[in-house]
Amino acid sequence: MVHASHLIETHLFGSFVILSLADTFVSNVLDTLAHDIPVGETISYGGLAAKVGKPSACRAVGMAMRMNQVPLIVPCHRVVNSDGSLGNYMSGRGVALKRWLLNHEGALLKD
C-alpha cells in the first residue's frame, strides 16, 4: 500500500504514478488528470474521456472522479461540465470547496 505522505512528496517533486487501482480505465483517467491538466486549467468530463481514448465515456469519467481517494494528488476539482459549469464535487456536498480550489488556482469559471 502506498502511503499518502509518499504520494504528496513525490507529487511535490514532479513524478508519481497512480498505483493499486484494479480498473485500468479508472487508473488511466486519474493518471491523465494528474499529469495532463495543470494548475489553473479545467477540462470537461467529455474532454477527459476523449483524452484517454474513450470519447463517449463521460459518465464513466464521473465515476472515476468519485473513486479518487487522493484528491490532493489527483485534482478531480479541475473536471467540470461541458458547458463550463462546476458540476458536482464530493457527491454534491463540496461545490463551494470546488469553486474555492479553482479560484485559488486561478481557473476562469463560468458564473
C-alpha atoms as a PDB file:
ATOM      1  CA  MET A   1       0.000   0.000   0.000  1.00  0.00           C
ATOM      2  CA  VAL A   2       1.307   3.437  -0.925  1.00  0.00           C
ATOM      3  CA  HIS A   3       1.197   5.972   1.907  1.00  0.00           C
ATOM      4  CA  ALA A   4      -0.318   9.394   1.270  1.00  0.00           C
ATOM      5  CA  SER A   5       2.822  11.125   2.573  1.00  0.00           C
ATOM      6  CA  HIS A   6       4.875   9.366  -0.116  1.00  0.00           C
ATOM      7  CA  LEU A   7       2.362  10.405  -2.810  1.00  0.00           C
ATOM      8  CA  ILE A   8       2.446  14.011  -1.627  1.00  0.00           C
ATOM      9  CA  GLU A   9       6.248  14.058  -1.501  1.00  0.00           C
ATOM     10  CA  THR A  10       6.614  12.613  -4.985  1.00  0.00           C
ATOM     11  CA  HIS A  11       3.907  14.927  -6.314  1.00  0.00           C
ATOM     12  CA  LEU A  12       5.756  17.956  -4.986  1.00  0.00           C
ATOM     13  CA  PHE A  13       8.887  16.816  -6.784  1.00  0.00           C
ATOM     14  CA  GLY A  14       7.060  16.137 -10.034  1.00  0.00           C
ATOM     15  CA  SER A  15       6.890  12.389 -10.551  1.00  0.00           C
ATOM     16  CA  PHE A  16       4.344   9.907  -9.344  1.00  0.00           C
ATOM     17  CA  VAL A  17       2.141   7.180 -10.745  1.00  0.00           C
ATOM     18  CA  ILE A  18      -1.377   6.267  -9.717  1.00  0.00           C
ATOM     19  CA  LEU A  19      -0.935   2.843  -8.158  1.00  0.00           C
ATOM     20  CA  SER A  20      -3.074   0.000  -6.860  1.00  0.00           C
ATOM     21  CA  LEU A  21      -6.186   0.588  -8.927  1.00  0.00           C
ATOM     22  CA  ALA A  22      -7.808  -2.594 -10.175  1.00  0.00           C
ATOM     23  CA  ASP A  23      -9.714  -0.929 -13.018  1.00  0.00           C
ATOM     24  CA  THR A  24      -7.492   0.147 -15.908  1.00  0.00           C
ATOM     25  CA  PHE A  25      -9.950   2.793 -17.160  1.00  0.00           C
ATOM     26  CA  VAL A  26     -10.103   4.457 -13.741  1.00  0.00           C
ATOM     27  CA  SER A  27      -6.318   4.330 -13.468  1.00  0.00           C
ATOM     28  CA  ASN A  28      -5.926   5.898 -16.928  1.00  0.00           C
ATOM     29  CA  VAL A  29      -8.413   8.651 -16.141  1.00  0.00           C
ATOM     30  CA  LEU A  30      -6.852   9.558 -12.796  1.00  0.00           C
ATOM     31  CA  ASP A  31      -3.294   9.355 -14.120  1.00  0.00           C
ATOM     32  CA  THR A  32      -4.164  11.533 -17.143  1.00  0.00           C
ATOM     33  CA  LEU A  33      -5.888  14.081 -14.925  1.00  0.00           C
ATOM     34  CA  ALA A  34      -2.976  14.194 -12.509  1.00  0.00           C
ATOM     35  CA  HIS A  35      -0.323  14.630 -15.195  1.00  0.00           C
ATOM     36  CA  ASP A  36      -2.005  16.457 -18.089  1.00  0.00           C
ATOM     37  CA  ILE A  37      -4.307  19.078 -16.564  1.00  0.00           C
ATOM     38  CA  PRO A  38      -2.158  21.792 -14.974  1.00  0.00           C
ATOM     39  CA  VAL A  39      -2.992  24.175 -12.172  1.00  0.00           C
ATOM     40  CA  GLY A  40      -5.346  26.915 -13.366  1.00  0.00           C
ATOM     41  CA  GLU A  41      -6.923  24.842 -16.133  1.00  0.00           C
ATOM     42  CA  THR A  42     -10.079  22.781 -16.281  1.00  0.00           C
ATOM     43  CA  ILE A  43     -11.319  20.028 -18.564  1.00  0.00           C
ATOM     44  CA  SER A  44     -14.808  18.693 -19.166  1.00  0.00           C
ATOM     45  CA  TYR A  45     -15.814  15.140 -18.346  1.00  0.00           C
ATOM     46  CA  GLY A  46     -16.129  14.517 -22.095  1.00  0.00           C
ATOM     47  CA  GLY A  47     -12.780  16.144 -22.797  1.00  0.00           C
ATOM     48  CA  LEU A  48     -11.087  13.912 -20.258  1.00  0.00           C
ATOM     49  CA  ALA A  49     -12.861  10.860 -21.706  1.00  0.00           C
ATOM     50  CA  ALA A  50     -11.531  11.782 -25.157  1.00  0.00           C
ATOM     51  CA  LYS A  51      -8.024  12.274 -23.745  1.00  0.00           C
ATOM     52  CA  VAL A  52      -7.992   8.675 -22.513  1.00  0.00           C
ATOM     53  CA  GLY A  53      -9.305   7.378 -25.850  1.00  0.00           C
ATOM     54  CA  LYS A  54     -12.940   6.798 -24.862  1.00  0.00           C
ATOM     55  CA  PRO A  55     -14.783   9.908 -26.117  1.00  0.00           C
ATOM     56  CA  SER A  56     -18.259   8.595 -25.267  1.00  0.00           C
ATOM     57  CA  ALA A  57     -17.362   7.639 -21.684  1.00  0.00           C
ATOM     58  CA  CYS A  58     -18.025  10.946 -19.919  1.00  0.00           C
ATOM     59  CA  ARG A  59     -20.267   9.302 -17.287  1.00  0.00           C
ATOM     60  CA  ALA A  60     -17.562   6.716 -16.613  1.00  0.00           C
ATOM     61  CA  VAL A  61     -15.129   9.610 -16.078  1.00  0.00           C
ATOM     62  CA  GLY A  62     -17.547  10.948 -13.460  1.00  0.00           C
ATOM     63  CA  MET A  63     -17.491   7.552 -11.755  1.00  0.00           C
ATOM     64  CA  ALA A  64     -13.683   7.594 -11.824  1.00  0.00           C
ATOM     65  CA  MET A  65     -13.754  11.016 -10.118  1.00  0.00           C
ATOM     66  CA  ARG A  66     -15.931   9.534  -7.363  1.00  0.00           C
ATOM     67  CA  MET A  67     -13.380   6.735  -6.893  1.00  0.00           C
ATOM     68  CA  ASN A  68     -10.475   9.175  -6.418  1.00  0.00           C
ATOM     69  CA  GLN A  69      -9.116   8.553  -2.931  1.00  0.00           C
ATOM     70  CA  VAL A  70      -6.339  11.135  -3.107  1.00  0.00           C
ATOM     71  CA  PRO A  71      -7.923  14.432  -4.232  1.00  0.00           C
ATOM     72  CA  LEU A  72      -4.904  16.426  -3.017  1.00  0.00           C
ATOM     73  CA  ILE A  73      -2.810  14.474  -5.510  1.00  0.00           C
ATOM     74  CA  VAL A  74      -5.308  13.830  -8.306  1.00  0.00           C
ATOM     75  CA  PRO A  75      -7.139  17.152  -8.752  1.00  0.00           C
ATOM     76  CA  CYS A  76     -10.640  15.989  -9.654  1.00  0.00           C
ATOM     77  CA  HIS A  77     -11.899  19.509  -8.858  1.00  0.00           C
ATOM     78  CA  ARG A  78     -10.478  20.515 -12.283  1.00  0.00           C
ATOM     79  CA  VAL A  79     -13.118  18.448 -14.096  1.00  0.00           C
ATOM     80  CA  VAL A  80     -16.216  20.481 -14.988  1.00  0.00           C
ATOM     81  CA  ASN A  81     -19.355  20.093 -17.066  1.00  0.00           C
ATOM     82  CA  SER A  82     -19.160  20.579 -20.830  1.00  0.00           C
ATOM     83  CA  ASP A  83     -20.918  23.953 -20.544  1.00  0.00           C
ATOM     84  CA  GLY A  84     -18.239  25.162 -18.107  1.00  0.00           C
ATOM     85  CA  SER A  85     -20.431  24.945 -15.016  1.00  0.00           C
ATOM     86  CA  LEU A  86     -18.883  23.308 -11.974  1.00  0.00           C
ATOM     87  CA  GLY A  87     -20.853  20.111 -11.705  1.00  0.00           C
ATOM     88  CA  ASN A  88     -20.612  18.076  -8.526  1.00  0.00           C
ATOM     89  CA  TYR A  89     -17.761  17.604  -6.098  1.00  0.00           C
ATOM     90  CA  MET A  90     -17.721  15.258  -3.110  1.00  0.00           C
ATOM     91  CA  SER A  91     -21.120  13.868  -4.173  1.00  0.00           C
ATOM     92  CA  GLY A  92     -22.555  17.380  -4.363  1.00  0.00           C
ATOM     93  CA  ARG A  93     -21.564  18.398  -0.819  1.00  0.00           C
ATOM     94  CA  GLY A  94     -18.357  20.156  -1.835  1.00  0.00           C
ATOM     95  CA  VAL A  95     -19.333  22.507  -4.654  1.00  0.00           C
ATOM     96  CA  ALA A  96     -18.273  25.571  -2.629  1.00  0.00           C
ATOM     97  CA  LEU A  97     -14.918  23.905  -1.955  1.00  0.00           C
ATOM     98  CA  LYS A  98     -14.520  23.069  -5.661  1.00  0.00           C
ATOM     99  CA  ARG A  99     -15.181  26.716  -6.569  1.00  0.00           C
ATOM    100  CA  TRP A 100     -12.665  27.876  -3.932  1.00  0.00           C
ATOM    101  CA  LEU A 101      -9.980  25.447  -5.157  1.00  0.00           C
ATOM    102  CA  LEU A 102     -10.418  26.531  -8.773  1.00  0.00           C
ATOM    103  CA  ASN A 103     -10.398  30.216  -7.833  1.00  0.00           C
ATOM    104  CA  HIS A 104      -7.293  29.636  -5.722  1.00  0.00           C
ATOM    105  CA  GLU A 105      -5.591  28.017  -8.730  1.00  0.00           C
ATOM    106  CA  GLY A 106      -6.589  30.912 -10.996  1.00  0.00           C
ATOM    107  CA  ALA A 107      -9.004  28.982 -13.209  1.00  0.00           C
ATOM    108  CA  LEU A 108     -11.565  31.038 -15.078  1.00  0.00           C
ATOM    109  CA  LEU A 109     -15.021  29.870 -14.063  1.00  0.00           C
ATOM    110  CA  LYS A 110     -18.425  30.228 -15.649  1.00  0.00           C
ATOM    111  CA  ASP A 111     -20.776  32.015 -13.267  1.00  0.00           C
END
